[in-house]
C-alpha atoms as a PDB file:
ATOM      1  CA  MET A   1      94.454 186.562 384.375  1.00  0.00           C
ATOM      2  CA  ALA A   2      93.160 189.614 386.194  1.00  0.00           C
ATOM      3  CA  LEU A   3      89.705 190.914 386.833  1.00  0.00           C
ATOM      4  CA  TYR A   4      87.933 194.075 387.844  1.00  0.00           C
ATOM      5  CA  GLY A   5      84.980 193.391 390.100  1.00  0.00           C
ATOM      6  CA  THR A   6      83.593 190.257 391.677  1.00  0.00           C
ATOM      7  CA  PRO A   7      85.128 186.971 390.518  1.00  0.00           C
ATOM      8  CA  ILE A   8      82.930 184.362 388.887  1.00  0.00           C
ATOM      9  CA  THR A   9      84.405 180.850 388.948  1.00  0.00           C
ATOM     10  CA  ASP A  10      83.364 177.449 387.645  1.00  0.00           C
ATOM     11  CA  GLY A  11      83.343 175.757 391.072  1.00  0.00           C
ATOM     12  CA  GLU A  12      86.053 173.270 390.126  1.00  0.00           C
ATOM     13  CA  LYS A  13      89.190 172.533 392.183  1.00  0.00           C
ATOM     14  CA  PRO A  14      91.223 174.594 391.387  1.00  0.00           C
ATOM     15  CA  PRO A  15      88.622 177.070 390.160  1.00  0.00           C
ATOM     16  CA  ALA A  16      88.795 178.678 386.721  1.00  0.00           C
ATOM     17  CA  LEU A  17      88.077 182.388 386.474  1.00  0.00           C
ATOM     18  CA  LEU A  18      85.132 182.907 384.116  1.00  0.00           C
ATOM     19  CA  ASN A  19      85.138 186.725 383.984  1.00  0.00           C
ATOM     20  CA  PRO A  20      88.721 187.933 383.435  1.00  0.00           C
ATOM     21  CA  ALA A  21      89.324 191.461 382.171  1.00  0.00           C
ATOM     22  CA  LEU A  22      92.981 190.812 381.270  1.00  0.00           C
ATOM     23  CA  ALA A  23      94.960 187.807 380.044  1.00  0.00           C
ATOM     24  CA  VAL A  24      98.772 187.796 379.928  1.00  0.00           C
ATOM     25  CA  GLU A  25     100.912 185.243 378.124  1.00  0.00           C
ATOM     26  CA  VAL A  26     104.710 185.078 378.399  1.00  0.00           C
ATOM     27  CA  LEU A  27     105.888 183.982 374.986  1.00  0.00           C
ATOM     28  CA  SER A  28     108.461 181.349 374.153  1.00  0.00           C
ATOM     29  CA  ALA A  29     109.591 180.013 370.807  1.00  0.00           C
ATOM     30  CA  SER A  30     107.359 176.970 371.265  1.00  0.00           C
ATOM     31  CA  THR A  31     104.197 178.890 372.295  1.00  0.00           C
ATOM     32  CA  GLU A  32     104.361 182.158 370.333  1.00  0.00           C
ATOM     33  CA  TYR A  33     102.319 180.941 367.351  1.00  0.00           C
ATOM     34  CA  THR A  34      99.591 179.375 369.525  1.00  0.00           C
ATOM     35  CA  ASP A  35      99.398 182.397 371.840  1.00  0.00           C
ATOM     36  CA  SER A  36      99.064 184.852 368.939  1.00  0.00           C
ATOM     37  CA  THR A  37      96.533 182.853 366.925  1.00  0.00           C
ATOM     38  CA  LYS A  38      94.563 180.109 368.663  1.00  0.00           C
ATOM     39  CA  LYS A  39      94.497 181.665 372.128  1.00  0.00           C
ATOM     40  CA  LEU A  40      93.643 185.073 370.688  1.00  0.00           C
ATOM     41  CA  ALA A  41      90.648 183.489 368.956  1.00  0.00           C
ATOM     42  CA  GLU A  42      89.612 181.719 372.171  1.00  0.00           C
ATOM     43  CA  TYR A  43      89.954 184.901 374.227  1.00  0.00           C
ATOM     44  CA  ALA A  44      87.756 186.746 371.718  1.00  0.00           C
ATOM     45  CA  THR A  45      84.819 184.615 372.881  1.00  0.00           C
ATOM     46  CA  VAL A  46      85.235 185.613 376.552  1.00  0.00           C
ATOM     47  CA  SER A  47      82.854 188.559 376.851  1.00  0.00           C
ATOM     48  CA  SER A  48      84.493 190.080 379.944  1.00  0.00           C
ATOM     49  CA  LEU A  49      88.034 189.976 378.519  1.00  0.00           C
ATOM     50  CA  LYS A  50      89.095 193.348 377.115  1.00  0.00           C
ATOM     51  CA  ASP A  51      92.920 193.289 377.181  1.00  0.00           C
ATOM     52  CA  TYR A  52      95.380 190.610 376.096  1.00  0.00           C
ATOM     53  CA  LEU A  53      99.136 191.043 376.558  1.00  0.00           C
ATOM     54  CA  MET A  54     101.746 188.857 374.884  1.00  0.00           C
ATOM     55  CA  VAL A  55     105.087 189.438 376.607  1.00  0.00           C
ATOM     56  CA  ALA A  56     108.406 188.403 375.067  1.00  0.00           C
ATOM     57  CA  GLN A  57     110.729 186.749 377.547  1.00  0.00           C
ATOM     58  CA  ASP A  58     114.037 187.554 375.856  1.00  0.00           C
ATOM     59  CA  GLU A  59     113.669 191.231 374.887  1.00  0.00           C
ATOM     60  CA  TYR A  60     111.639 194.357 375.603  1.00  0.00           C
ATOM     61  CA  PHE A  61     108.629 193.586 373.454  1.00  0.00           C
ATOM     62  CA  VAL A  62     104.944 193.473 374.385  1.00  0.00           C
ATOM     63  CA  THR A  63     101.968 193.126 372.070  1.00  0.00           C
ATOM     64  CA  HIS A  64      98.796 194.640 373.530  1.00  0.00           C
ATOM     65  CA  CYS A  65      95.491 193.546 372.012  1.00  0.00           C
ATOM     66  CA  VAL A  66      92.396 195.526 373.000  1.00  0.00           C
ATOM     67  CA  LYS A  67      89.116 193.841 372.131  1.00  0.00           C
ATOM     68  CA  GLN A  68      86.641 196.035 370.263  1.00  0.00           C
ATOM     69  CA  SER A  69      84.240 193.173 369.501  1.00  0.00           C
ATOM     70  CA  GLU A  70      84.418 189.386 369.223  1.00  0.00           C
ATOM     71  CA  ARG A  71      85.869 189.783 365.736  1.00  0.00           C
ATOM     72  CA  GLN A  72      87.956 192.929 366.092  1.00  0.00           C
ATOM     73  CA  TRP A  73      91.066 193.759 368.124  1.00  0.00           C
ATOM     74  CA  VAL A  74      93.238 196.870 368.119  1.00  0.00           C
ATOM     75  CA  VAL A  75      96.872 195.757 368.305  1.00  0.00           C
ATOM     76  CA  THR A  76      99.734 197.925 369.552  1.00  0.00           C
ATOM     77  CA  GLN A  77     103.324 196.781 369.934  1.00  0.00           C
ATOM     78  CA  TYR A  78     105.749 198.232 372.476  1.00  0.00           C
ATOM     79  CA  ALA A  79     109.538 197.853 372.449  1.00  0.00           C
ATOM     80  CA  ASP A  80     110.955 200.805 374.406  1.00  0.00           C
ATOM     81  CA  PRO A  81     111.379 200.450 378.188  1.00  0.00           C
ATOM     82  CA  ALA A  82     109.829 203.926 378.559  1.00  0.00           C
ATOM     83  CA  ASP A  83     106.661 202.907 376.673  1.00  0.00           C
ATOM     84  CA  ILE A  84     103.487 202.993 378.769  1.00  0.00           C
ATOM     85  CA  ILE A  85     100.714 200.417 378.313  1.00  0.00           C
ATOM     86  CA  THR A  86      97.282 201.572 379.453  1.00  0.00           C
ATOM     87  CA  LEU A  87      94.864 198.844 380.514  1.00  0.00           C
ATOM     88  CA  ASP A  88      91.507 200.599 380.476  1.00  0.00           C
ATOM     89  CA  SER A  89      89.743 197.442 381.657  1.00  0.00           C
ATOM     90  CA  LEU A  90      91.609 197.675 384.983  1.00  0.00           C
ATOM     91  CA  SER A  91      92.105 201.471 385.046  1.00  0.00           C
ATOM     92  CA  VAL A  92      95.897 201.099 385.282  1.00  0.00           C
ATOM     93  CA  SER A  93      98.999 201.950 383.269  1.00  0.00           C
ATOM     94  CA  ILE A  94     102.358 200.192 383.373  1.00  0.00           C
ATOM     95  CA  SER A  95     105.661 200.799 381.629  1.00  0.00           C
ATOM     96  CA  LEU A  96     107.736 198.157 379.904  1.00  0.00           C
ATOM     97  CA  ALA A  97     110.475 198.998 382.417  1.00  0.00           C
ATOM     98  CA  GLN A  98     108.101 197.950 385.210  1.00  0.00           C
ATOM     99  CA  ILE A  99     107.078 194.752 383.426  1.00  0.00           C
ATOM    100  CA  TYR A 100     110.713 193.756 382.859  1.00  0.00           C
ATOM    101  CA  ARG A 101     112.121 195.227 386.109  1.00  0.00           C
ATOM    102  CA  LYS A 102     113.770 191.963 387.237  1.00  0.00           C
ATOM    103  CA  MET A 103     115.063 190.965 383.804  1.00  0.00           C
ATOM    104  CA  ALA A 104     118.574 191.495 382.492  1.00  0.00           C
ATOM    105  CA  PHE A 105     119.005 191.183 378.753  1.00  0.00           C
ATOM    106  CA  ALA A 106     122.334 190.641 377.007  1.00  0.00           C
ATOM    107  CA  LEU A 107     123.498 193.639 375.030  1.00  0.00           C
ATOM    108  CA  PRO A 108     123.645 193.059 371.272  1.00  0.00           C
ATOM    109  CA  SER A 109     127.126 192.426 369.897  1.00  0.00           C
ATOM    110  CA  ALA A 110     128.765 194.823 367.445  1.00  0.00           C
ATOM    111  CA  GLU A 111     128.281 192.205 364.708  1.00  0.00           C
ATOM    112  CA  GLU A 112     124.462 192.224 365.006  1.00  0.00           C
END
């Protein structure tokens, strides 16, 4: 989670951030369905949340969801390391190469 502005928390230990602008999920085979369906629906109800990134852990692939309203998202998928993702909610841009800068992926075999 990331925010722009003053954090609002629930007062619990540890505190939960109530006004995130961005949520990021690193996908795995066991969580991909939940992250792209149930969590997306839950995040839609968070009024402050504007950007949701789902990041693949085994390849260059990021899905960027930008909330237009509680019922509408604009979805863009990125797969090239040179692709730039703009997060208007935080006034920043980041490339896939930056997101995956410490990752080394196996090259595909000639048979694939």
